[in-house]
Amino acid sequence: MYKVFLFAGTTEGRELAEFLSRAGVEVFVFTATEYGKSLIGEAEHMVLSPERLSAEEMEEQIRIQKPDLVVDATHPYAELVTENIRSACIHTHTELIRLVRD
């Protein structure tokens, strides 16, 4: 099964999480808060984590779970989080897509 890590902090991230889950993709959704987690809700093929992860923790999770793809759908102003995700993907040689609002 295809596995995606999704760092969600936007409406687009929530919608993508729901879409991937319905499509049968195993999606690990990381939100920064319990509130963010509550907006997404539980679904089949979806694992939710409301923990803020450091770059090192992100890298560790990528190494353990071995996702096929990482999607950064965090808020446009969450620049440090985006940099941490990018760094973790570089160190683990994992493909990264940045989902950006128009």
PDB file of N, CA and C in Angstrom:
ATOM      1  N   MET A   1       0.843  -1.180   0.000  1.00  0.00           N
ATOM      2  CA  MET A   1       0.000   0.000   0.000  1.00  0.00           C
ATOM      3  C   MET A   1       0.887   1.242   0.000  1.00  0.00           C
ATOM      4  N   TYR A   2       0.497   2.235  -0.766  1.00  0.00           N
ATOM      5  CA  TYR A   2       1.213   3.509  -0.849  1.00  0.00           C
ATOM      6  C   TYR A   2       1.067   4.220   0.493  1.00  0.00           C
ATOM      7  N   LYS A   3       2.146   4.814   0.994  1.00  0.00           N
ATOM      8  CA  LYS A   3       2.143   5.471   2.299  1.00  0.00           C
ATOM      9  C   LYS A   3       2.598   6.919   2.148  1.00  0.00           C
ATOM     10  N   VAL A   4       1.817   7.840   2.738  1.00  0.00           N
ATOM     11  CA  VAL A   4       2.108   9.278   2.658  1.00  0.00           C
ATOM     12  C   VAL A   4       2.150   9.862   4.063  1.00  0.00           C
ATOM     13  N   PHE A   5       3.158  10.698   4.311  1.00  0.00           N
ATOM     14  CA  PHE A   5       3.189  11.539   5.498  1.00  0.00           C
ATOM     15  C   PHE A   5       2.643  12.890   5.071  1.00  0.00           C
ATOM     16  N   LEU A   6       1.669  13.398   5.814  1.00  0.00           N
ATOM     17  CA  LEU A   6       1.056  14.680   5.496  1.00  0.00           C
ATOM     18  C   LEU A   6       1.142  15.580   6.721  1.00  0.00           C
ATOM     19  N   PHE A   7       1.897  16.663   6.592  1.00  0.00           N
ATOM     20  CA  PHE A   7       1.965  17.659   7.649  1.00  0.00           C
ATOM     21  C   PHE A   7       0.911  18.699   7.311  1.00  0.00           C
ATOM     22  N   ALA A   8      -0.187  18.670   8.074  1.00  0.00           N
ATOM     23  CA  ALA A   8      -1.367  19.462   7.732  1.00  0.00           C
ATOM     24  C   ALA A   8      -1.542  20.605   8.717  1.00  0.00           C
ATOM     25  N   GLY A   9      -1.854  21.763   8.185  1.00  0.00           N
ATOM     26  CA  GLY A   9      -2.134  22.923   9.021  1.00  0.00           C
ATOM     27  C   GLY A   9      -3.048  23.888   8.313  1.00  0.00           C
ATOM     28  N   THR A  10      -3.635  23.417   7.245  1.00  0.00           N
ATOM     29  CA  THR A  10      -4.509  24.262   6.425  1.00  0.00           C
ATOM     30  C   THR A  10      -5.747  23.476   6.036  1.00  0.00           C
ATOM     31  N   THR A  11      -6.713  24.175   5.510  1.00  0.00           N
ATOM     32  CA  THR A  11      -7.913  23.515   4.979  1.00  0.00           C
ATOM     33  C   THR A  11      -7.528  22.562   3.861  1.00  0.00           C
ATOM     34  N   GLU A  12      -6.586  22.977   3.019  1.00  0.00           N
ATOM     35  CA  GLU A  12      -6.143  22.110   1.919  1.00  0.00           C
ATOM     36  C   GLU A  12      -5.522  20.826   2.452  1.00  0.00           C
ATOM     37  N   GLY A  13      -4.801  20.919   3.555  1.00  0.00           N
ATOM     38  CA  GLY A  13      -4.221  19.722   4.168  1.00  0.00           C
ATOM     39  C   GLY A  13      -5.291  18.772   4.666  1.00  0.00           C
ATOM     40  N   ARG A  14      -6.322  19.332   5.301  1.00  0.00           N
ATOM     41  CA  ARG A  14      -7.435  18.496   5.777  1.00  0.00           C
ATOM     42  C   ARG A  14      -8.129  17.821   4.610  1.00  0.00           C
ATOM     43  N   GLU A  15      -8.400  18.569   3.559  1.00  0.00           N
ATOM     44  CA  GLU A  15      -9.076  18.003   2.390  1.00  0.00           C
ATOM     45  C   GLU A  15      -8.219  16.931   1.724  1.00  0.00           C
ATOM     46  N   LEU A  16      -6.917  17.145   1.660  1.00  0.00           N
ATOM     47  CA  LEU A  16      -6.029  16.148   1.073  1.00  0.00           C
ATOM     48  C   LEU A  16      -5.993  14.889   1.926  1.00  0.00           C
ATOM     49  N   ALA A  17      -5.973  15.035   3.237  1.00  0.00           N
ATOM     50  CA  ALA A  17      -5.989  13.872   4.133  1.00  0.00           C
ATOM     51  C   ALA A  17      -7.237  13.031   3.894  1.00  0.00           C
ATOM     52  N   GLU A  18      -8.379  13.682   3.799  1.00  0.00           N
ATOM     53  CA  GLU A  18      -9.631  12.970   3.567  1.00  0.00           C
ATOM     54  C   GLU A  18      -9.634  12.300   2.200  1.00  0.00           C
ATOM     55  N   PHE A  19      -9.146  12.973   1.184  1.00  0.00           N
ATOM     56  CA  PHE A  19      -9.086  12.418  -0.167  1.00  0.00           C
ATOM     57  C   PHE A  19      -8.185  11.183  -0.207  1.00  0.00           C
ATOM     58  N   LEU A  20      -6.990  11.295   0.363  1.00  0.00           N
ATOM     59  CA  LEU A  20      -6.058  10.167   0.344  1.00  0.00           C
ATOM     60  C   LEU A  20      -6.632   8.962   1.081  1.00  0.00           C
ATOM     61  N   SER A  21      -7.255   9.204   2.210  1.00  0.00           N
ATOM     62  CA  SER A  21      -7.860   8.123   2.980  1.00  0.00           C
ATOM     63  C   SER A  21      -8.950   7.420   2.175  1.00  0.00           C
ATOM     64  N   ARG A  22      -9.823   8.199   1.537  1.00  0.00           N
ATOM     65  CA  ARG A  22     -10.901   7.603   0.720  1.00  0.00           C
ATOM     66  C   ARG A  22     -10.334   6.819  -0.457  1.00  0.00           C
ATOM     67  N   ALA A  23      -9.158   7.240  -0.951  1.00  0.00           N
ATOM     68  CA  ALA A  23      -8.534   6.572  -2.094  1.00  0.00           C
ATOM     69  C   ALA A  23      -7.781   5.307  -1.678  1.00  0.00           C
ATOM     70  N   GLY A  24      -7.752   5.011  -0.388  1.00  0.00           N
ATOM     71  CA  GLY A  24      -7.091   3.805   0.080  1.00  0.00           C
ATOM     72  C   GLY A  24      -5.605   3.966   0.328  1.00  0.00           C
ATOM     73  N   VAL A  25      -5.126   5.208   0.359  1.00  0.00           N
ATOM     74  CA  VAL A  25      -3.718   5.476   0.649  1.00  0.00           C
ATOM     75  C   VAL A  25      -3.542   5.502   2.165  1.00  0.00           C
ATOM     76  N   GLU A  26      -2.517   4.841   2.650  1.00  0.00           N
ATOM     77  CA  GLU A  26      -2.204   4.906   4.076  1.00  0.00           C
ATOM     78  C   GLU A  26      -1.585   6.274   4.339  1.00  0.00           C
ATOM     79  N   VAL A  27      -2.280   7.102   5.105  1.00  0.00           N
ATOM     80  CA  VAL A  27      -1.831   8.483   5.314  1.00  0.00           C
ATOM     81  C   VAL A  27      -1.635   8.733   6.805  1.00  0.00           C
ATOM     82  N   PHE A  28      -0.444   9.210   7.121  1.00  0.00           N
ATOM     83  CA  PHE A  28      -0.099   9.609   8.475  1.00  0.00           C
ATOM     84  C   PHE A  28      -0.189  11.126   8.502  1.00  0.00           C
ATOM     85  N   VAL A  29      -1.126  11.649   9.281  1.00  0.00           N
ATOM     86  CA  VAL A  29      -1.380  13.088   9.303  1.00  0.00           C
ATOM     87  C   VAL A  29      -0.830  13.671  10.600  1.00  0.00           C
ATOM     88  N   PHE A  30       0.035  14.658  10.452  1.00  0.00           N
ATOM     89  CA  PHE A  30       0.628  15.331  11.599  1.00  0.00           C
ATOM     90  C   PHE A  30       0.050  16.737  11.681  1.00  0.00           C
ATOM     91  N   THR A  31      -0.555  17.056  12.823  1.00  0.00           N
ATOM     92  CA  THR A  31      -1.044  18.405  13.090  1.00  0.00           C
ATOM     93  C   THR A  31      -0.283  18.922  14.305  1.00  0.00           C
ATOM     94  N   ALA A  32      -0.256  20.211  14.493  1.00  0.00           N
ATOM     95  CA  ALA A  32       0.503  20.781  15.603  1.00  0.00           C
ATOM     96  C   ALA A  32      -0.277  20.774  16.908  1.00  0.00           C
ATOM     97  N   THR A  33      -1.595  20.565  16.827  1.00  0.00           N
ATOM     98  CA  THR A  33      -2.429  20.667  18.026  1.00  0.00           C
ATOM     99  C   THR A  33      -3.552  19.634  18.007  1.00  0.00           C
ATOM    100  N   GLU A  34      -4.132  19.426  19.177  1.00  0.00           N
ATOM    101  CA  GLU A  34      -5.326  18.576  19.289  1.00  0.00           C
ATOM    102  C   GLU A  34      -6.484  19.194  18.502  1.00  0.00           C
ATOM    103  N   TYR A  35      -6.560  20.528  18.523  1.00  0.00           N
ATOM    104  CA  TYR A  35      -7.618  21.196  17.770  1.00  0.00           C
ATOM    105  C   TYR A  35      -7.503  20.868  16.284  1.00  0.00           C
ATOM    106  N   GLY A  36      -6.296  20.954  15.738  1.00  0.00           N
ATOM    107  CA  GLY A  36      -6.088  20.609  14.335  1.00  0.00           C
ATOM    108  C   GLY A  36      -6.478  19.177  14.054  1.00  0.00           C
ATOM    109  N   LYS A  37      -6.139  18.292  14.961  1.00  0.00           N
ATOM    110  CA  LYS A  37      -6.514  16.881  14.823  1.00  0.00           C
ATOM    111  C   LYS A  37      -8.032  16.734  14.808  1.00  0.00           C
ATOM    112  N   SER A  38      -8.718  17.479  15.664  1.00  0.00           N
ATOM    113  CA  SER A  38     -10.178  17.360  15.761  1.00  0.00           C
ATOM    114  C   SER A  38     -10.879  17.819  14.481  1.00  0.00           C
ATOM    115  N   LEU A  39     -10.264  18.715  13.738  1.00  0.00           N
ATOM    116  CA  LEU A  39     -10.856  19.197  12.494  1.00  0.00           C
ATOM    117  C   LEU A  39     -10.803  18.143  11.395  1.00  0.00           C
ATOM    118  N   ILE A  40      -9.828  17.250  11.487  1.00  0.00           N
ATOM    119  CA  ILE A  40      -9.676  16.220  10.461  1.00  0.00           C
ATOM    120  C   ILE A  40     -10.568  15.032  10.758  1.00  0.00           C
ATOM    121  N   GLY A  41     -10.582  14.564  11.981  1.00  0.00           N
ATOM    122  CA  GLY A  41     -11.426  13.426  12.336  1.00  0.00           C
ATOM    123  C   GLY A  41     -10.808  12.110  11.917  1.00  0.00           C
ATOM    124  N   GLU A  42     -11.306  11.043  12.480  1.00  0.00           N
ATOM    125  CA  GLU A  42     -10.814   9.698  12.217  1.00  0.00           C
ATOM    126  C   GLU A  42     -11.345   9.185  10.886  1.00  0.00           C
ATOM    127  N   ALA A  43     -10.545   8.353  10.222  1.00  0.00           N
ATOM    128  CA  ALA A  43     -10.966   7.735   8.964  1.00  0.00           C
ATOM    129  C   ALA A  43     -10.141   6.476   8.736  1.00  0.00           C
ATOM    130  N   GLU A  44     -10.670   5.592   7.910  1.00  0.00           N
ATOM    131  CA  GLU A  44      -9.947   4.386   7.545  1.00  0.00           C
ATOM    132  C   GLU A  44      -8.673   4.773   6.792  1.00  0.00           C
ATOM    133  N   HIS A  45      -7.605   4.034   7.006  1.00  0.00           N
ATOM    134  CA  HIS A  45      -6.303   4.252   6.358  1.00  0.00           C
ATOM    135  C   HIS A  45      -5.608   5.515   6.854  1.00  0.00           C
ATOM    136  N   MET A  46      -6.086   6.095   7.960  1.00  0.00           N
ATOM    137  CA  MET A  46      -5.511   7.345   8.436  1.00  0.00           C
ATOM    138  C   MET A  46      -5.043   7.206   9.880  1.00  0.00           C
ATOM    139  N   VAL A  47      -3.835   7.693  10.142  1.00  0.00           N
ATOM    140  CA  VAL A  47      -3.298   7.774  11.497  1.00  0.00           C
ATOM    141  C   VAL A  47      -3.056   9.249  11.780  1.00  0.00           C
ATOM    142  N   LEU A  48      -3.598   9.735  12.894  1.00  0.00           N
ATOM    143  CA  LEU A  48      -3.474  11.155  13.240  1.00  0.00           C
ATOM    144  C   LEU A  48      -2.533  11.344  14.421  1.00  0.00           C
ATOM    145  N   SER A  49      -1.691  12.354  14.335  1.00  0.00           N
ATOM    146  CA  SER A  49      -0.783  12.694  15.426  1.00  0.00           C
ATOM    147  C   SER A  49      -0.825  14.196  15.659  1.00  0.00           C
ATOM    148  N   PRO A  50      -1.231  14.628  16.868  1.00  0.00           N
ATOM    149  CA  PRO A  50      -1.294  16.064  17.155  1.00  0.00           C
ATOM    150  C   PRO A  50      -0.022  16.613  17.788  1.00  0.00           C
ATOM    151  N   GLU A  51       1.087  15.923  17.657  1.00  0.00           N
ATOM    152  CA  GLU A  51       2.326  16.340  18.306  1.00  0.00           C
ATOM    153  C   GLU A  51       3.168  17.233  17.407  1.00  0.00           C
ATOM    154  N   ARG A  52       3.762  18.258  17.997  1.00  0.00           N
ATOM    155  CA  ARG A  52       4.739  19.081  17.275  1.00  0.00           C
ATOM    156  C   ARG A  52       6.045  18.298  17.264  1.00  0.00           C
ATOM    157  N   LEU A  53       6.598  18.075  16.091  1.00  0.00           N
ATOM    158  CA  LEU A  53       7.825  17.303  15.967  1.00  0.00           C
ATOM    159  C   LEU A  53       8.988  18.218  15.596  1.00  0.00           C
ATOM    160  N   SER A  54      10.140  17.949  16.183  1.00  0.00           N
ATOM    161  CA  SER A  54      11.364  18.642  15.783  1.00  0.00           C
ATOM    162  C   SER A  54      11.833  18.048  14.458  1.00  0.00           C
ATOM    163  N   ALA A  55      12.811  18.675  13.833  1.00  0.00           N
ATOM    164  CA  ALA A  55      13.367  18.134  12.585  1.00  0.00           C
ATOM    165  C   ALA A  55      13.909  16.730  12.811  1.00  0.00           C
ATOM    166  N   GLU A  56      14.558  16.513  13.944  1.00  0.00           N
ATOM    167  CA  GLU A  56      15.116  15.200  14.255  1.00  0.00           C
ATOM    168  C   GLU A  56      14.019  14.157  14.442  1.00  0.00           C
ATOM    169  N   GLU A  57      12.927  14.543  15.106  1.00  0.00           N
ATOM    170  CA  GLU A  57      11.804  13.622  15.305  1.00  0.00           C
ATOM    171  C   GLU A  57      11.118  13.304  13.978  1.00  0.00           C
ATOM    172  N   MET A  58      10.997  14.310  13.114  1.00  0.00           N
ATOM    173  CA  MET A  58      10.435  14.065  11.783  1.00  0.00           C
ATOM    174  C   MET A  58      11.291  13.063  11.028  1.00  0.00           C
ATOM    175  N   GLU A  59      12.582  13.285  11.061  1.00  0.00           N
ATOM    176  CA  GLU A  59      13.514  12.400  10.368  1.00  0.00           C
ATOM    177  C   GLU A  59      13.414  10.976  10.918  1.00  0.00           C
ATOM    178  N   GLU A  60      13.327  10.850  12.231  1.00  0.00           N
ATOM    179  CA  GLU A  60      13.203   9.530  12.853  1.00  0.00           C
ATOM    180  C   GLU A  60      11.918   8.827  12.395  1.00  0.00           C
ATOM    181  N   GLN A  61      10.808   9.550  12.385  1.00  0.00           N
ATOM    182  CA  GLN A  61       9.540   8.962  11.947  1.00  0.00           C
ATOM    183  C   GLN A  61       9.605   8.529  10.482  1.00  0.00           C
ATOM    184  N   ILE A  62      10.249   9.326   9.653  1.00  0.00           N
ATOM    185  CA  ILE A  62      10.391   8.972   8.233  1.00  0.00           C
ATOM    186  C   ILE A  62      11.228   7.707   8.101  1.00  0.00           C
ATOM    187  N   ARG A  63      12.311   7.619   8.869  1.00  0.00           N
ATOM    188  CA  ARG A  63      13.164   6.420   8.813  1.00  0.00           C
ATOM    189  C   ARG A  63      12.421   5.174   9.297  1.00  0.00           C
ATOM    190  N   ILE A  64      11.609   5.311  10.308  1.00  0.00           N
ATOM    191  CA  ILE A  64      10.874   4.170  10.868  1.00  0.00           C
ATOM    192  C   ILE A  64       9.743   3.741   9.944  1.00  0.00           C
ATOM    193  N   GLN A  65       8.909   4.688   9.517  1.00  0.00           N
ATOM    194  CA  GLN A  65       7.694   4.368   8.752  1.00  0.00           C
ATOM    195  C   GLN A  65       7.938   4.224   7.251  1.00  0.00           C
ATOM    196  N   LYS A  66       9.013   4.844   6.743  1.00  0.00           N
ATOM    197  CA  LYS A  66       9.378   4.770   5.328  1.00  0.00           C
ATOM    198  C   LYS A  66       8.224   5.147   4.381  1.00  0.00           C
ATOM    199  N   PRO A  67       7.722   6.382   4.496  1.00  0.00           N
ATOM    200  CA  PRO A  67       6.662   6.799   3.574  1.00  0.00           C
ATOM    201  C   PRO A  67       7.200   6.923   2.151  1.00  0.00           C
ATOM    202  N   ASP A  68       6.324   6.733   1.182  1.00  0.00           N
ATOM    203  CA  ASP A  68       6.694   6.907  -0.221  1.00  0.00           C
ATOM    204  C   ASP A  68       6.798   8.380  -0.586  1.00  0.00           C
ATOM    205  N   LEU A  69       6.091   9.222   0.160  1.00  0.00           N
ATOM    206  CA  LEU A  69       6.003  10.641  -0.144  1.00  0.00           C
ATOM    207  C   LEU A  69       5.692  11.412   1.126  1.00  0.00           C
ATOM    208  N   VAL A  70       6.233  12.616   1.224  1.00  0.00           N
ATOM    209  CA  VAL A  70       5.888  13.539   2.303  1.00  0.00           C
ATOM    210  C   VAL A  70       5.267  14.772   1.662  1.00  0.00           C
ATOM    211  N   VAL A  71       4.145  15.223   2.230  1.00  0.00           N
ATOM    212  CA  VAL A  71       3.479  16.432   1.746  1.00  0.00           C
ATOM    213  C   VAL A  71       3.473  17.458   2.877  1.00  0.00           C
ATOM    214  N   ASP A  72       3.987  18.636   2.561  1.00  0.00           N
ATOM    215  CA  ASP A  72       3.975  19.749   3.500  1.00  0.00           C
ATOM    216  C   ASP A  72       2.796  20.644   3.140  1.00  0.00           C
ATOM    217  N   ALA A  73       1.730  20.536   3.923  1.00  0.00           N
ATOM    218  CA  ALA A  73       0.545  21.373   3.725  1.00  0.00           C
ATOM    219  C   ALA A  73       0.339  22.244   4.959  1.00  0.00           C
ATOM    220  N   THR A  74       1.462  22.689   5.528  1.00  0.00           N
ATOM    221  CA  THR A  74       1.387  23.544   6.700  1.00  0.00           C
ATOM    222  C   THR A  74       1.049  24.972   6.285  1.00  0.00           C
ATOM    223  N   HIS A  75       0.769  25.783   7.269  1.00  0.00           N
ATOM    224  CA  HIS A  75       0.404  27.173   7.026  1.00  0.00           C
ATOM    225  C   HIS A  75       1.555  27.904   6.337  1.00  0.00           C
ATOM    226  N   PRO A  76       1.255  28.819   5.428  1.00  0.00           N
ATOM    227  CA  PRO A  76       2.317  29.556   4.722  1.00  0.00           C
ATOM    228  C   PRO A  76       3.290  30.290   5.639  1.00  0.00           C
ATOM    229  N   TYR A  77       2.842  30.686   6.831  1.00  0.00           N
ATOM    230  CA  TYR A  77       3.721  31.399   7.757  1.00  0.00           C
ATOM    231  C   TYR A  77       4.512  30.471   8.670  1.00  0.00           C
ATOM    232  N   ALA A  78       4.296  29.175   8.564  1.00  0.00           N
ATOM    233  CA  ALA A  78       5.008  28.204   9.397  1.00  0.00           C
ATOM    234  C   ALA A  78       6.345  27.856   8.749  1.00  0.00           C
ATOM    235  N   GLU A  79       7.152  28.870   8.557  1.00  0.00           N
ATOM    236  CA  GLU A  79       8.397  28.710   7.808  1.00  0.00           C
ATOM    237  C   GLU A  79       9.380  27.751   8.478  1.00  0.00           C
ATOM    238  N   LEU A  80       9.479  27.785   9.797  1.00  0.00           N
ATOM    239  CA  LEU A  80      10.398  26.893  10.499  1.00  0.00           C
ATOM    240  C   LEU A  80       9.963  25.438  10.330  1.00  0.00           C
ATOM    241  N   VAL A  81       8.675  25.189  10.409  1.00  0.00           N
ATOM    242  CA  VAL A  81       8.166  23.828  10.224  1.00  0.00           C
ATOM    243  C   VAL A  81       8.473  23.345   8.813  1.00  0.00           C
ATOM    244  N   THR A  82       8.241  24.180   7.834  1.00  0.00           N
ATOM    245  CA  THR A  82       8.543  23.821   6.440  1.00  0.00           C
ATOM    246  C   THR A  82      10.028  23.503   6.278  1.00  0.00           C
ATOM    247  N   GLU A  83      10.880  24.303   6.884  1.00  0.00           N
ATOM    248  CA  GLU A  83      12.322  24.046   6.798  1.00  0.00           C
ATOM    249  C   GLU A  83      12.680  22.717   7.475  1.00  0.00           C
ATOM    250  N   ASN A  84      12.053  22.419   8.617  1.00  0.00           N
ATOM    251  CA  ASN A  84      12.311  21.155   9.310  1.00  0.00           C
ATOM    252  C   ASN A  84      11.867  19.954   8.470  1.00  0.00           C
ATOM    253  N   ILE A  85      10.726  20.067   7.837  1.00  0.00           N
ATOM    254  CA  ILE A  85      10.229  18.986   6.975  1.00  0.00           C
ATOM    255  C   ILE A  85      11.182  18.794   5.806  1.00  0.00           C
ATOM    256  N   ARG A  86      11.586  19.882   5.180  1.00  0.00           N
ATOM    257  CA  ARG A  86      12.506  19.810   4.045  1.00  0.00           C
ATOM    258  C   ARG A  86      13.824  19.156   4.454  1.00  0.00           C
ATOM    259  N   SER A  87      14.354  19.549   5.587  1.00  0.00           N
ATOM    260  CA  SER A  87      15.612  18.996   6.082  1.00  0.00           C
ATOM    261  C   SER A  87      15.483  17.490   6.345  1.00  0.00           C
ATOM    262  N   ALA A  88      14.396  17.092   6.990  1.00  0.00           N
ATOM    263  CA  ALA A  88      14.187  15.668   7.277  1.00  0.00           C
ATOM    264  C   ALA A  88      14.097  14.856   5.990  1.00  0.00           C
ATOM    265  N   CYS A  89      13.440  15.405   4.980  1.00  0.00           N
ATOM    266  CA  CYS A  89      13.304  14.698   3.702  1.00  0.00           C
ATOM    267  C   CYS A  89      14.643  14.608   2.971  1.00  0.00           C
ATOM    268  N   ILE A  90      15.427  15.659   3.039  1.00  0.00           N
ATOM    269  CA  ILE A  90      16.751  15.629   2.410  1.00  0.00           C
ATOM    270  C   ILE A  90      17.614  14.552   3.061  1.00  0.00           C
ATOM    271  N   HIS A  91      17.623  14.529   4.394  1.00  0.00           N
ATOM    272  CA  HIS A  91      18.459  13.563   5.113  1.00  0.00           C
ATOM    273  C   HIS A  91      18.015  12.119   4.919  1.00  0.00           C
ATOM    274  N   THR A  92      16.748  11.904   4.621  1.00  0.00           N
ATOM    275  CA  THR A  92      16.243  10.536   4.450  1.00  0.00           C
ATOM    276  C   THR A  92      16.013  10.175   2.988  1.00  0.00           C
ATOM    277  N   HIS A  93      16.350  11.099   2.083  1.00  0.00           N
ATOM    278  CA  HIS A  93      16.167  10.871   0.639  1.00  0.00           C
ATOM    279  C   HIS A  93      14.713  10.497   0.318  1.00  0.00           C
ATOM    280  N   THR A  94      13.800  11.276   0.896  1.00  0.00           N
ATOM    281  CA  THR A  94      12.369  11.047   0.717  1.00  0.00           C
ATOM    282  C   THR A  94      11.773  12.174  -0.113  1.00  0.00           C
ATOM    283  N   GLU A  95      10.944  11.819  -1.067  1.00  0.00           N
ATOM    284  CA  GLU A  95      10.328  12.827  -1.927  1.00  0.00           C
ATOM    285  C   GLU A  95       9.396  13.722  -1.130  1.00  0.00           C
ATOM    286  N   LEU A  96       9.458  15.021  -1.419  1.00  0.00           N
ATOM    287  CA  LEU A  96       8.660  16.022  -0.724  1.00  0.00           C
ATOM    288  C   LEU A  96       7.907  16.876  -1.721  1.00  0.00           C
ATOM    289  N   ILE A  97       6.644  17.122  -1.423  1.00  0.00           N
ATOM    290  CA  ILE A  97       5.823  18.057  -2.186  1.00  0.00           C
ATOM    291  C   ILE A  97       5.334  19.124  -1.208  1.00  0.00           C
ATOM    292  N   ARG A  98       5.450  20.377  -1.594  1.00  0.00           N
ATOM    293  CA  ARG A  98       4.925  21.494  -0.799  1.00  0.00           C
ATOM    294  C   ARG A  98       3.623  21.954  -1.422  1.00  0.00           C
ATOM    295  N   LEU A  99       2.539  21.827  -0.676  1.00  0.00           N
ATOM    296  CA  LEU A  99       1.231  22.267  -1.132  1.00  0.00           C
ATOM    297  C   LEU A  99       1.066  23.724  -0.691  1.00  0.00           C
ATOM    298  N   VAL A 100       0.933  24.629  -1.664  1.00  0.00           N
ATOM    299  CA  VAL A 100       0.864  26.062  -1.369  1.00  0.00           C
ATOM    300  C   VAL A 100      -0.443  26.628  -1.903  1.00  0.00           C
ATOM    301  N   ARG A 101      -1.045  27.487  -1.105  1.00  0.00           N
ATOM    302  CA  ARG A 101      -2.268  28.168  -1.524  1.00  0.00           C
ATOM    303  C   ARG A 101      -1.978  29.145  -2.645  1.00  0.00           C
ATOM    304  N   ASP A 102      -2.976  29.376  -3.518  1.00  0.00           N
ATOM    305  CA  ASP A 102      -2.852  30.413  -4.549  1.00  0.00           C
ATOM    306  C   ASP A 102      -2.849  31.778  -3.910  1.00  0.00           C
TER     307      ASP A 102
END
